[in-house]
Amino acid sequence: MHLKQRMHVRELVLDNCRSNEGKIKGLSEEFVNLEFLSLINVGLISVSKLPKLGKLKKLELSDNRISDGLDVLAEKLPNLTHLNLNIPKVLKQRTTPHSTISLSTPPLCIPV
């Protein structure tokens, strides 16, 4: 995909694509208008290598084994309002298999 095409993409679903050491090949800061990104079951163990995506609002990360890097999301994804995680593999604080976390004020957790 050429740079001009990446600039127009608003939604990107890369479910079941495999990550390489925490990076998704082709996913870069060039997706300047990306608002929705789905990375379900891509083998992520950290989100620290995600590119900065200033317009991203929704991020799907279910079915990964993420153990760190969540602290950088606010910096890399400043407009993120919804984050969907597989809670038992990430936080292990709830018994529900999936939750949607709304990052808008006030924070809200909604079991799916």
PDB file of N, CA and C in Angstrom:
ATOM      1  N   MET A   1       0.848  -1.166   0.000  1.00  0.00           N
ATOM      2  CA  MET A   1       0.000   0.000   0.000  1.00  0.00           C
ATOM      3  C   MET A   1       0.901   1.238   0.000  1.00  0.00           C
ATOM      4  N   HIS A   2       0.628   2.153  -0.892  1.00  0.00           N
ATOM      5  CA  HIS A   2       1.417   3.374  -1.005  1.00  0.00           C
ATOM      6  C   HIS A   2       1.052   4.375   0.083  1.00  0.00           C
ATOM      7  N   LEU A   3       1.954   5.312   0.339  1.00  0.00           N
ATOM      8  CA  LEU A   3       1.757   6.321   1.376  1.00  0.00           C
ATOM      9  C   LEU A   3       0.445   7.075   1.185  1.00  0.00           C
ATOM     10  N   LYS A   4       0.131   7.470  -0.046  1.00  0.00           N
ATOM     11  CA  LYS A   4      -1.116   8.205  -0.305  1.00  0.00           C
ATOM     12  C   LYS A   4      -2.332   7.383   0.108  1.00  0.00           C
ATOM     13  N   GLN A   5      -2.298   6.083  -0.146  1.00  0.00           N
ATOM     14  CA  GLN A   5      -3.415   5.217   0.221  1.00  0.00           C
ATOM     15  C   GLN A   5      -3.522   5.094   1.736  1.00  0.00           C
ATOM     16  N   ARG A   6      -2.396   4.976   2.432  1.00  0.00           N
ATOM     17  CA  ARG A   6      -2.399   4.848   3.890  1.00  0.00           C
ATOM     18  C   ARG A   6      -3.007   6.073   4.556  1.00  0.00           C
ATOM     19  N   MET A   7      -2.832   7.224   3.956  1.00  0.00           N
ATOM     20  CA  MET A   7      -3.351   8.463   4.532  1.00  0.00           C
ATOM     21  C   MET A   7      -4.880   8.487   4.561  1.00  0.00           C
ATOM     22  N   HIS A   8      -5.534   7.701   3.704  1.00  0.00           N
ATOM     23  CA  HIS A   8      -6.996   7.719   3.609  1.00  0.00           C
ATOM     24  C   HIS A   8      -7.668   6.599   4.403  1.00  0.00           C
ATOM     25  N   VAL A   9      -6.896   5.675   4.939  1.00  0.00           N
ATOM     26  CA  VAL A   9      -7.460   4.539   5.676  1.00  0.00           C
ATOM     27  C   VAL A   9      -7.957   5.005   7.039  1.00  0.00           C
ATOM     28  N   ARG A  10      -9.221   4.689   7.354  1.00  0.00           N
ATOM     29  CA  ARG A  10      -9.804   5.042   8.653  1.00  0.00           C
ATOM     30  C   ARG A  10      -9.995   3.812   9.542  1.00  0.00           C
ATOM     31  N   GLU A  11     -10.176   2.643   8.932  1.00  0.00           N
ATOM     32  CA  GLU A  11     -10.343   1.400   9.680  1.00  0.00           C
ATOM     33  C   GLU A  11      -9.401   0.349   9.113  1.00  0.00           C
ATOM     34  N   LEU A  12      -8.751  -0.393  10.019  1.00  0.00           N
ATOM     35  CA  LEU A  12      -7.799  -1.413   9.596  1.00  0.00           C
ATOM     36  C   LEU A  12      -7.970  -2.635  10.486  1.00  0.00           C
ATOM     37  N   VAL A  13      -8.267  -3.774   9.869  1.00  0.00           N
ATOM     38  CA  VAL A  13      -8.440  -5.028  10.603  1.00  0.00           C
ATOM     39  C   VAL A  13      -7.313  -5.968  10.193  1.00  0.00           C
ATOM     40  N   LEU A  14      -6.457  -6.292  11.155  1.00  0.00           N
ATOM     41  CA  LEU A  14      -5.317  -7.171  10.918  1.00  0.00           C
ATOM     42  C   LEU A  14      -5.409  -8.423  11.793  1.00  0.00           C
ATOM     43  N   ASP A  15      -6.630  -8.823  12.124  1.00  0.00           N
ATOM     44  CA  ASP A  15      -6.846  -9.993  12.968  1.00  0.00           C
ATOM     45  C   ASP A  15      -6.145 -11.219  12.387  1.00  0.00           C
ATOM     46  N   ASN A  16      -5.521 -11.989  13.278  1.00  0.00           N
ATOM     47  CA  ASN A  16      -4.842 -13.243  12.952  1.00  0.00           C
ATOM     48  C   ASN A  16      -3.577 -13.078  12.120  1.00  0.00           C
ATOM     49  N   CYS A  17      -3.134 -11.855  11.854  1.00  0.00           N
ATOM     50  CA  CYS A  17      -1.826 -11.633  11.241  1.00  0.00           C
ATOM     51  C   CYS A  17      -0.798 -11.764  12.359  1.00  0.00           C
ATOM     52  N   ARG A  18       0.310 -12.362  12.121  1.00  0.00           N
ATOM     53  CA  ARG A  18       1.296 -12.593  13.169  1.00  0.00           C
ATOM     54  C   ARG A  18       2.231 -11.405  13.332  1.00  0.00           C
ATOM     55  N   SER A  19       2.503 -11.076  14.589  1.00  0.00           N
ATOM     56  CA  SER A  19       3.458 -10.005  14.879  1.00  0.00           C
ATOM     57  C   SER A  19       4.862 -10.588  14.901  1.00  0.00           C
ATOM     58  N   ASN A  20       5.835  -9.748  14.606  1.00  0.00           N
ATOM     59  CA  ASN A  20       7.235 -10.141  14.639  1.00  0.00           C
ATOM     60  C   ASN A  20       7.913  -9.326  15.726  1.00  0.00           C
ATOM     61  N   GLU A  21       8.165  -9.963  16.860  1.00  0.00           N
ATOM     62  CA  GLU A  21       8.786  -9.304  18.008  1.00  0.00           C
ATOM     63  C   GLU A  21       8.011  -8.051  18.423  1.00  0.00           C
ATOM     64  N   GLY A  22       6.693  -8.147  18.407  1.00  0.00           N
ATOM     65  CA  GLY A  22       5.845  -7.048  18.848  1.00  0.00           C
ATOM     66  C   GLY A  22       5.502  -6.032  17.784  1.00  0.00           C
ATOM     67  N   LYS A  23       5.989  -6.223  16.579  1.00  0.00           N
ATOM     68  CA  LYS A  23       5.676  -5.299  15.483  1.00  0.00           C
ATOM     69  C   LYS A  23       4.802  -5.997  14.457  1.00  0.00           C
ATOM     70  N   ILE A  24       3.899  -5.229  13.878  1.00  0.00           N
ATOM     71  CA  ILE A  24       3.047  -5.722  12.801  1.00  0.00           C
ATOM     72  C   ILE A  24       3.590  -5.120  11.513  1.00  0.00           C
ATOM     73  N   LYS A  25       4.046  -5.974  10.611  1.00  0.00           N
ATOM     74  CA  LYS A  25       4.642  -5.502   9.366  1.00  0.00           C
ATOM     75  C   LYS A  25       3.660  -4.621   8.600  1.00  0.00           C
ATOM     76  N   GLY A  26       4.108  -3.445   8.213  1.00  0.00           N
ATOM     77  CA  GLY A  26       3.288  -2.522   7.441  1.00  0.00           C
ATOM     78  C   GLY A  26       2.506  -1.520   8.266  1.00  0.00           C
ATOM     79  N   LEU A  27       2.362  -1.780   9.571  1.00  0.00           N
ATOM     80  CA  LEU A  27       1.639  -0.846  10.436  1.00  0.00           C
ATOM     81  C   LEU A  27       2.603   0.242  10.882  1.00  0.00           C
ATOM     82  N   SER A  28       2.309   1.477  10.486  1.00  0.00           N
ATOM     83  CA  SER A  28       3.231   2.573  10.782  1.00  0.00           C
ATOM     84  C   SER A  28       2.476   3.873  11.057  1.00  0.00           C
ATOM     85  N   GLU A  29       3.217   4.885  11.412  1.00  0.00           N
ATOM     86  CA  GLU A  29       2.656   6.215  11.678  1.00  0.00           C
ATOM     87  C   GLU A  29       2.094   6.867  10.421  1.00  0.00           C
ATOM     88  N   GLU A  30       2.306   6.247   9.265  1.00  0.00           N
ATOM     89  CA  GLU A  30       1.791   6.785   8.007  1.00  0.00           C
ATOM     90  C   GLU A  30       0.268   6.674   7.909  1.00  0.00           C
ATOM     91  N   PHE A  31      -0.358   5.875   8.775  1.00  0.00           N
ATOM     92  CA  PHE A  31      -1.815   5.772   8.817  1.00  0.00           C
ATOM     93  C   PHE A  31      -2.352   6.926   9.662  1.00  0.00           C
ATOM     94  N   VAL A  32      -2.174   8.132   9.187  1.00  0.00           N
ATOM     95  CA  VAL A  32      -2.447   9.340   9.971  1.00  0.00           C
ATOM     96  C   VAL A  32      -3.927   9.552  10.288  1.00  0.00           C
ATOM     97  N   ASN A  33      -4.835   8.974   9.512  1.00  0.00           N
ATOM     98  CA  ASN A  33      -6.270   9.153   9.741  1.00  0.00           C
ATOM     99  C   ASN A  33      -6.949   7.912  10.312  1.00  0.00           C
ATOM    100  N   LEU A  34      -6.166   6.947  10.753  1.00  0.00           N
ATOM    101  CA  LEU A  34      -6.714   5.706  11.287  1.00  0.00           C
ATOM    102  C   LEU A  34      -7.473   5.970  12.580  1.00  0.00           C
ATOM    103  N   GLU A  35      -8.733   5.525  12.627  1.00  0.00           N
ATOM    104  CA  GLU A  35      -9.583   5.712  13.804  1.00  0.00           C
ATOM    105  C   GLU A  35      -9.919   4.397  14.494  1.00  0.00           C
ATOM    106  N   PHE A  36      -9.858   3.284  13.764  1.00  0.00           N
ATOM    107  CA  PHE A  36     -10.174   1.969  14.321  1.00  0.00           C
ATOM    108  C   PHE A  36      -9.108   0.980  13.883  1.00  0.00           C
ATOM    109  N   LEU A  37      -8.547   0.243  14.845  1.00  0.00           N
ATOM    110  CA  LEU A  37      -7.528  -0.760  14.550  1.00  0.00           C
ATOM    111  C   LEU A  37      -7.857  -2.027  15.316  1.00  0.00           C
ATOM    112  N   SER A  38      -7.918  -3.144  14.607  1.00  0.00           N
ATOM    113  CA  SER A  38      -8.174  -4.430  15.241  1.00  0.00           C
ATOM    114  C   SER A  38      -6.958  -5.330  15.063  1.00  0.00           C
ATOM    115  N   LEU A  39      -6.399  -5.752  16.197  1.00  0.00           N
ATOM    116  CA  LEU A  39      -5.232  -6.635  16.228  1.00  0.00           C
ATOM    117  C   LEU A  39      -5.562  -7.867  17.078  1.00  0.00           C
ATOM    118  N   ILE A  40      -6.678  -8.499  16.784  1.00  0.00           N
ATOM    119  CA  ILE A  40      -7.109  -9.672  17.544  1.00  0.00           C
ATOM    120  C   ILE A  40      -6.276 -10.880  17.127  1.00  0.00           C
ATOM    121  N   ASN A  41      -5.747 -11.589  18.137  1.00  0.00           N
ATOM    122  CA  ASN A  41      -5.003 -12.833  17.926  1.00  0.00           C
ATOM    123  C   ASN A  41      -3.826 -12.668  16.960  1.00  0.00           C
ATOM    124  N   VAL A  42      -2.994 -11.670  17.211  1.00  0.00           N
ATOM    125  CA  VAL A  42      -1.810 -11.469  16.372  1.00  0.00           C
ATOM    126  C   VAL A  42      -0.520 -11.874  17.083  1.00  0.00           C
ATOM    127  N   GLY A  43      -0.631 -12.358  18.308  1.00  0.00           N
ATOM    128  CA  GLY A  43       0.551 -12.817  19.032  1.00  0.00           C
ATOM    129  C   GLY A  43       1.305 -11.731  19.763  1.00  0.00           C
ATOM    130  N   LEU A  44       0.641 -10.622  20.068  1.00  0.00           N
ATOM    131  CA  LEU A  44       1.314  -9.538  20.793  1.00  0.00           C
ATOM    132  C   LEU A  44       1.530  -9.913  22.253  1.00  0.00           C
ATOM    133  N   ILE A  45       2.714  -9.594  22.779  1.00  0.00           N
ATOM    134  CA  ILE A  45       2.974  -9.736  24.211  1.00  0.00           C
ATOM    135  C   ILE A  45       3.197  -8.368  24.847  1.00  0.00           C
ATOM    136  N   SER A  46       3.339  -7.353  24.001  1.00  0.00           N
ATOM    137  CA  SER A  46       3.506  -5.976  24.460  1.00  0.00           C
ATOM    138  C   SER A  46       2.949  -5.045  23.395  1.00  0.00           C
ATOM    139  N   VAL A  47       2.486  -3.885  23.825  1.00  0.00           N
ATOM    140  CA  VAL A  47       2.025  -2.881  22.862  1.00  0.00           C
ATOM    141  C   VAL A  47       3.003  -1.712  22.778  1.00  0.00           C
ATOM    142  N   SER A  48       4.162  -1.867  23.373  1.00  0.00           N
ATOM    143  CA  SER A  48       5.142  -0.779  23.404  1.00  0.00           C
ATOM    144  C   SER A  48       5.694  -0.434  22.024  1.00  0.00           C
ATOM    145  N   LYS A  49       5.609  -1.357  21.063  1.00  0.00           N
ATOM    146  CA  LYS A  49       6.141  -1.098  19.725  1.00  0.00           C
ATOM    147  C   LYS A  49       5.078  -0.641  18.733  1.00  0.00           C
ATOM    148  N   LEU A  50       3.859  -0.406  19.214  1.00  0.00           N
ATOM    149  CA  LEU A  50       2.837   0.140  18.322  1.00  0.00           C
ATOM    150  C   LEU A  50       3.257   1.537  17.885  1.00  0.00           C
ATOM    151  N   PRO A  51       2.973   1.907  16.633  1.00  0.00           N
ATOM    152  CA  PRO A  51       3.326   3.257  16.190  1.00  0.00           C
ATOM    153  C   PRO A  51       2.409   4.303  16.810  1.00  0.00           C
ATOM    154  N   LYS A  52       2.835   5.542  16.769  1.00  0.00           N
ATOM    155  CA  LYS A  52       1.989   6.641  17.237  1.00  0.00           C
ATOM    156  C   LYS A  52       0.902   6.866  16.195  1.00  0.00           C
ATOM    157  N   LEU A  53      -0.346   6.800  16.647  1.00  0.00           N
ATOM    158  CA  LEU A  53      -1.506   6.968  15.767  1.00  0.00           C
ATOM    159  C   LEU A  53      -2.422   7.995  16.415  1.00  0.00           C
ATOM    160  N   GLY A  54      -2.210   9.243  16.075  1.00  0.00           N
ATOM    161  CA  GLY A  54      -2.852  10.361  16.750  1.00  0.00           C
ATOM    162  C   GLY A  54      -4.362  10.430  16.672  1.00  0.00           C
ATOM    163  N   LYS A  55      -4.980   9.829  15.652  1.00  0.00           N
ATOM    164  CA  LYS A  55      -6.438   9.907  15.507  1.00  0.00           C
ATOM    165  C   LYS A  55      -7.150   8.621  15.913  1.00  0.00           C
ATOM    166  N   LEU A  56      -6.400   7.609  16.333  1.00  0.00           N
ATOM    167  CA  LEU A  56      -7.014   6.333  16.682  1.00  0.00           C
ATOM    168  C   LEU A  56      -7.938   6.490  17.877  1.00  0.00           C
ATOM    169  N   LYS A  57      -9.176   5.986  17.729  1.00  0.00           N
ATOM    170  CA  LYS A  57     -10.175   6.074  18.796  1.00  0.00           C
ATOM    171  C   LYS A  57     -10.489   4.713  19.400  1.00  0.00           C
ATOM    172  N   LYS A  58     -10.463   3.666  18.573  1.00  0.00           N
ATOM    173  CA  LYS A  58     -10.816   2.325  19.054  1.00  0.00           C
ATOM    174  C   LYS A  58      -9.703   1.344  18.704  1.00  0.00           C
ATOM    175  N   LEU A  59      -9.325   0.536  19.709  1.00  0.00           N
ATOM    176  CA  LEU A  59      -8.267  -0.458  19.532  1.00  0.00           C
ATOM    177  C   LEU A  59      -8.740  -1.794  20.079  1.00  0.00           C
ATOM    178  N   GLU A  60      -8.713  -2.809  19.235  1.00  0.00           N
ATOM    179  CA  GLU A  60      -9.097  -4.172  19.612  1.00  0.00           C
ATOM    180  C   GLU A  60      -7.825  -4.995  19.792  1.00  0.00           C
ATOM    181  N   LEU A  61      -7.621  -5.542  20.999  1.00  0.00           N
ATOM    182  CA  LEU A  61      -6.419  -6.327  21.295  1.00  0.00           C
ATOM    183  C   LEU A  61      -6.741  -7.690  21.904  1.00  0.00           C
ATOM    184  N   SER A  62      -7.944  -8.188  21.745  1.00  0.00           N
ATOM    185  CA  SER A  62      -8.336  -9.463  22.344  1.00  0.00           C
ATOM    186  C   SER A  62      -7.492 -10.615  21.816  1.00  0.00           C
ATOM    187  N   ASP A  63      -7.412 -11.657  22.638  1.00  0.00           N
ATOM    188  CA  ASP A  63      -6.736 -12.905  22.280  1.00  0.00           C
ATOM    189  C   ASP A  63      -5.253 -12.732  21.989  1.00  0.00           C
ATOM    190  N   ASN A  64      -4.610 -11.856  22.720  1.00  0.00           N
ATOM    191  CA  ASN A  64      -3.158 -11.711  22.709  1.00  0.00           C
ATOM    192  C   ASN A  64      -2.670 -11.987  24.123  1.00  0.00           C
ATOM    193  N   ARG A  65      -1.399 -12.157  24.299  1.00  0.00           N
ATOM    194  CA  ARG A  65      -0.826 -12.417  25.626  1.00  0.00           C
ATOM    195  C   ARG A  65      -0.034 -11.196  26.096  1.00  0.00           C
ATOM    196  N   ILE A  66      -0.693 -10.068  26.118  1.00  0.00           N
ATOM    197  CA  ILE A  66      -0.043  -8.811  26.473  1.00  0.00           C
ATOM    198  C   ILE A  66       0.266  -8.792  27.962  1.00  0.00           C
ATOM    199  N   SER A  67       1.534  -8.557  28.264  1.00  0.00           N
ATOM    200  CA  SER A  67       1.939  -8.506  29.667  1.00  0.00           C
ATOM    201  C   SER A  67       2.548  -7.164  30.042  1.00  0.00           C
ATOM    202  N   ASP A  68       2.872  -6.342  29.055  1.00  0.00           N
ATOM    203  CA  ASP A  68       3.393  -5.011  29.384  1.00  0.00           C
ATOM    204  C   ASP A  68       3.218  -4.047  28.219  1.00  0.00           C
ATOM    205  N   GLY A  69       3.610  -2.803  28.470  1.00  0.00           N
ATOM    206  CA  GLY A  69       3.554  -1.783  27.443  1.00  0.00           C
ATOM    207  C   GLY A  69       2.290  -0.955  27.441  1.00  0.00           C
ATOM    208  N   LEU A  70       1.310  -1.318  28.262  1.00  0.00           N
ATOM    209  CA  LEU A  70       0.051  -0.571  28.270  1.00  0.00           C
ATOM    210  C   LEU A  70       0.242   0.870  28.728  1.00  0.00           C
ATOM    211  N   ASP A  71       1.315   1.116  29.465  1.00  0.00           N
ATOM    212  CA  ASP A  71       1.569   2.468  29.970  1.00  0.00           C
ATOM    213  C   ASP A  71       1.893   3.468  28.868  1.00  0.00           C
ATOM    214  N   VAL A  72       2.300   3.012  27.690  1.00  0.00           N
ATOM    215  CA  VAL A  72       2.644   3.926  26.596  1.00  0.00           C
ATOM    216  C   VAL A  72       1.450   4.268  25.706  1.00  0.00           C
ATOM    217  N   LEU A  73       0.316   3.620  25.932  1.00  0.00           N
ATOM    218  CA  LEU A  73      -0.837   3.856  25.059  1.00  0.00           C
ATOM    219  C   LEU A  73      -1.310   5.303  25.079  1.00  0.00           C
ATOM    220  N   ALA A  74      -1.317   5.938  26.229  1.00  0.00           N
ATOM    221  CA  ALA A  74      -1.787   7.329  26.315  1.00  0.00           C
ATOM    222  C   ALA A  74      -0.908   8.257  25.488  1.00  0.00           C
ATOM    223  N   GLU A  75       0.380   7.979  25.451  1.00  0.00           N
ATOM    224  CA  GLU A  75       1.302   8.817  24.676  1.00  0.00           C
ATOM    225  C   GLU A  75       1.189   8.535  23.182  1.00  0.00           C
ATOM    226  N   LYS A  76       1.126   7.273  22.812  1.00  0.00           N
ATOM    227  CA  LYS A  76       1.102   6.899  21.400  1.00  0.00           C
ATOM    228  C   LYS A  76      -0.270   7.046  20.764  1.00  0.00           C
ATOM    229  N   LEU A  77      -1.315   6.931  21.586  1.00  0.00           N
ATOM    230  CA  LEU A  77      -2.689   6.979  21.082  1.00  0.00           C
ATOM    231  C   LEU A  77      -3.489   7.998  21.887  1.00  0.00           C
ATOM    232  N   PRO A  78      -3.201   9.289  21.729  1.00  0.00           N
ATOM    233  CA  PRO A  78      -3.792  10.317  22.593  1.00  0.00           C
ATOM    234  C   PRO A  78      -5.308  10.455  22.488  1.00  0.00           C
ATOM    235  N   ASN A  79      -5.921  10.023  21.392  1.00  0.00           N
ATOM    236  CA  ASN A  79      -7.373  10.149  21.225  1.00  0.00           C
ATOM    237  C   ASN A  79      -8.117   8.837  21.437  1.00  0.00           C
ATOM    238  N   LEU A  80      -7.443   7.835  21.974  1.00  0.00           N
ATOM    239  CA  LEU A  80      -8.065   6.540  22.216  1.00  0.00           C
ATOM    240  C   LEU A  80      -9.184   6.666  23.243  1.00  0.00           C
ATOM    241  N   THR A  81     -10.376   6.193  22.874  1.00  0.00           N
ATOM    242  CA  THR A  81     -11.515   6.228  23.797  1.00  0.00           C
ATOM    243  C   THR A  81     -12.016   4.835  24.147  1.00  0.00           C
ATOM    244  N   HIS A  82     -11.730   3.830  23.316  1.00  0.00           N
ATOM    245  CA  HIS A  82     -12.177   2.465  23.576  1.00  0.00           C
ATOM    246  C   HIS A  82     -11.024   1.492  23.348  1.00  0.00           C
ATOM    247  N   LEU A  83     -10.812   0.642  24.348  1.00  0.00           N
ATOM    248  CA  LEU A  83      -9.758  -0.364  24.295  1.00  0.00           C
ATOM    249  C   LEU A  83     -10.377  -1.696  24.669  1.00  0.00           C
ATOM    250  N   ASN A  84     -10.313  -2.668  23.768  1.00  0.00           N
ATOM    251  CA  ASN A  84     -10.875  -3.986  24.032  1.00  0.00           C
ATOM    252  C   ASN A  84      -9.723  -4.954  24.251  1.00  0.00           C
ATOM    253  N   LEU A  85      -9.689  -5.553  25.460  1.00  0.00           N
ATOM    254  CA  LEU A  85      -8.620  -6.467  25.849  1.00  0.00           C
ATOM    255  C   LEU A  85      -9.193  -7.810  26.268  1.00  0.00           C
ATOM    256  N   ASN A  86      -8.371  -8.809  26.234  1.00  0.00           N
ATOM    257  CA  ASN A  86      -8.712 -10.093  26.821  1.00  0.00           C
ATOM    258  C   ASN A  86      -8.235 -10.017  28.262  1.00  0.00           C
ATOM    259  N   ILE A  87      -9.106  -9.627  29.164  1.00  0.00           N
ATOM    260  CA  ILE A  87      -8.755  -9.277  30.539  1.00  0.00           C
ATOM    261  C   ILE A  87      -7.984 -10.353  31.295  1.00  0.00           C
ATOM    262  N   PRO A  88      -8.379 -11.624  31.289  1.00  0.00           N
ATOM    263  CA  PRO A  88      -7.621 -12.593  32.081  1.00  0.00           C
ATOM    264  C   PRO A  88      -6.151 -12.698  31.687  1.00  0.00           C
ATOM    265  N   LYS A  89      -5.822 -12.519  30.419  1.00  0.00           N
ATOM    266  CA  LYS A  89      -4.439 -12.616  29.985  1.00  0.00           C
ATOM    267  C   LYS A  89      -3.656 -11.348  30.264  1.00  0.00           C
ATOM    268  N   VAL A  90      -4.334 -10.238  30.458  1.00  0.00           N
ATOM    269  CA  VAL A  90      -3.647  -8.964  30.645  1.00  0.00           C
ATOM    270  C   VAL A  90      -3.615  -8.566  32.108  1.00  0.00           C
ATOM    271  N   LEU A  91      -4.766  -8.344  32.687  1.00  0.00           N
ATOM    272  CA  LEU A  91      -4.827  -7.800  34.037  1.00  0.00           C
ATOM    273  C   LEU A  91      -5.088  -8.842  35.114  1.00  0.00           C
ATOM    274  N   LYS A  92      -5.770  -9.921  34.767  1.00  0.00           N
ATOM    275  CA  LYS A  92      -6.112 -10.991  35.697  1.00  0.00           C
ATOM    276  C   LYS A  92      -6.830 -10.480  36.936  1.00  0.00           C
ATOM    277  N   GLN A  93      -7.616  -9.420  36.779  1.00  0.00           N
ATOM    278  CA  GLN A  93      -8.349  -8.856  37.896  1.00  0.00           C
ATOM    279  C   GLN A  93      -9.836  -9.162  37.821  1.00  0.00           C
ATOM    280  N   ARG A  94     -10.303  -9.649  36.690  1.00  0.00           N
ATOM    281  CA  ARG A  94     -11.726  -9.936  36.517  1.00  0.00           C
ATOM    282  C   ARG A  94     -11.874 -11.357  36.008  1.00  0.00           C
ATOM    283  N   THR A  95     -13.035 -11.908  36.163  1.00  0.00           N
ATOM    284  CA  THR A  95     -13.271 -13.268  35.705  1.00  0.00           C
ATOM    285  C   THR A  95     -13.934 -13.330  34.341  1.00  0.00           C
ATOM    286  N   THR A  96     -14.366 -12.206  33.810  1.00  0.00           N
ATOM    287  CA  THR A  96     -14.995 -12.213  32.491  1.00  0.00           C
ATOM    288  C   THR A  96     -13.924 -12.366  31.425  1.00  0.00           C
ATOM    289  N   PRO A  97     -14.192 -13.151  30.369  1.00  0.00           N
ATOM    290  CA  PRO A  97     -13.169 -13.391  29.359  1.00  0.00           C
ATOM    291  C   PRO A  97     -12.832 -12.176  28.514  1.00  0.00           C
ATOM    292  N   HIS A  98     -13.769 -11.271  28.312  1.00  0.00           N
ATOM    293  CA  HIS A  98     -13.511 -10.081  27.490  1.00  0.00           C
ATOM    294  C   HIS A  98     -14.199  -8.885  28.130  1.00  0.00           C
ATOM    295  N   SER A  99     -13.565  -7.749  28.052  1.00  0.00           N
ATOM    296  CA  SER A  99     -14.178  -6.513  28.515  1.00  0.00           C
ATOM    297  C   SER A  99     -13.827  -5.401  27.557  1.00  0.00           C
ATOM    298  N   THR A 100     -14.708  -4.431  27.469  1.00  0.00           N
ATOM    299  CA  THR A 100     -14.430  -3.225  26.716  1.00  0.00           C
ATOM    300  C   THR A 100     -14.196  -2.128  27.731  1.00  0.00           C
ATOM    301  N   ILE A 101     -13.107  -1.426  27.580  1.00  0.00           N
ATOM    302  CA  ILE A 101     -12.780  -0.350  28.497  1.00  0.00           C
ATOM    303  C   ILE A 101     -12.942   0.962  27.757  1.00  0.00           C
ATOM    304  N   SER A 102     -13.807   1.811  28.256  1.00  0.00           N
ATOM    305  CA  SER A 102     -13.982   3.132  27.676  1.00  0.00           C
ATOM    306  C   SER A 102     -13.030   4.080  28.373  1.00  0.00           C
ATOM    307  N   LEU A 103     -12.217   4.775  27.611  1.00  0.00           N
ATOM    308  CA  LEU A 103     -11.230   5.672  28.181  1.00  0.00           C
ATOM    309  C   LEU A 103     -11.725   7.104  28.250  1.00  0.00           C
ATOM    310  N   SER A 104     -12.998   7.309  27.932  1.00  0.00           N
ATOM    311  CA  SER A 104     -13.563   8.645  28.060  1.00  0.00           C
ATOM    312  C   SER A 104     -13.845   8.924  29.529  1.00  0.00           C
ATOM    313  N   THR A 105     -14.094  10.156  29.875  1.00  0.00           N
ATOM    314  CA  THR A 105     -14.327  10.525  31.269  1.00  0.00           C
ATOM    315  C   THR A 105     -15.787  10.323  31.613  1.00  0.00           C
ATOM    316  N   PRO A 106     -16.168   9.672  32.687  1.00  0.00           N
ATOM    317  CA  PRO A 106     -15.311   8.885  33.561  1.00  0.00           C
ATOM    318  C   PRO A 106     -15.038   7.515  32.948  1.00  0.00           C
ATOM    319  N   PRO A 107     -13.931   6.846  33.319  1.00  0.00           N
ATOM    320  CA  PRO A 107     -13.642   5.515  32.779  1.00  0.00           C
ATOM    321  C   PRO A 107     -14.774   4.547  33.098  1.00  0.00           C
ATOM    322  N   LEU A 108     -15.037   3.646  32.177  1.00  0.00           N
ATOM    323  CA  LEU A 108     -16.160   2.733  32.303  1.00  0.00           C
ATOM    324  C   LEU A 108     -15.758   1.370  31.762  1.00  0.00           C
ATOM    325  N   CYS A 109     -15.981   0.309  32.525  1.00  0.00           N
ATOM    326  CA  CYS A 109     -15.717  -1.053  32.064  1.00  0.00           C
ATOM    327  C   CYS A 109     -17.045  -1.736  31.797  1.00  0.00           C
ATOM    328  N   ILE A 110     -17.179  -2.297  30.617  1.00  0.00           N
ATOM    329  CA  ILE A 110     -18.420  -2.951  30.232  1.00  0.00           C
ATOM    330  C   ILE A 110     -18.098  -4.377  29.803  1.00  0.00           C
ATOM    331  N   PRO A 111     -18.501  -5.410  30.576  1.00  0.00           N
ATOM    332  CA  PRO A 111     -18.273  -6.792  30.136  1.00  0.00           C
ATOM    333  C   PRO A 111     -19.020  -7.062  28.837  1.00  0.00           C
ATOM    334  N   VAL A 112     -18.395  -7.796  27.950  1.00  0.00           N
ATOM    335  CA  VAL A 112     -18.998  -8.132  26.663  1.00  0.00           C
ATOM    336  C   VAL A 112     -19.628  -9.493  26.754  1.00  0.00           C
TER     337      VAL A 112
END
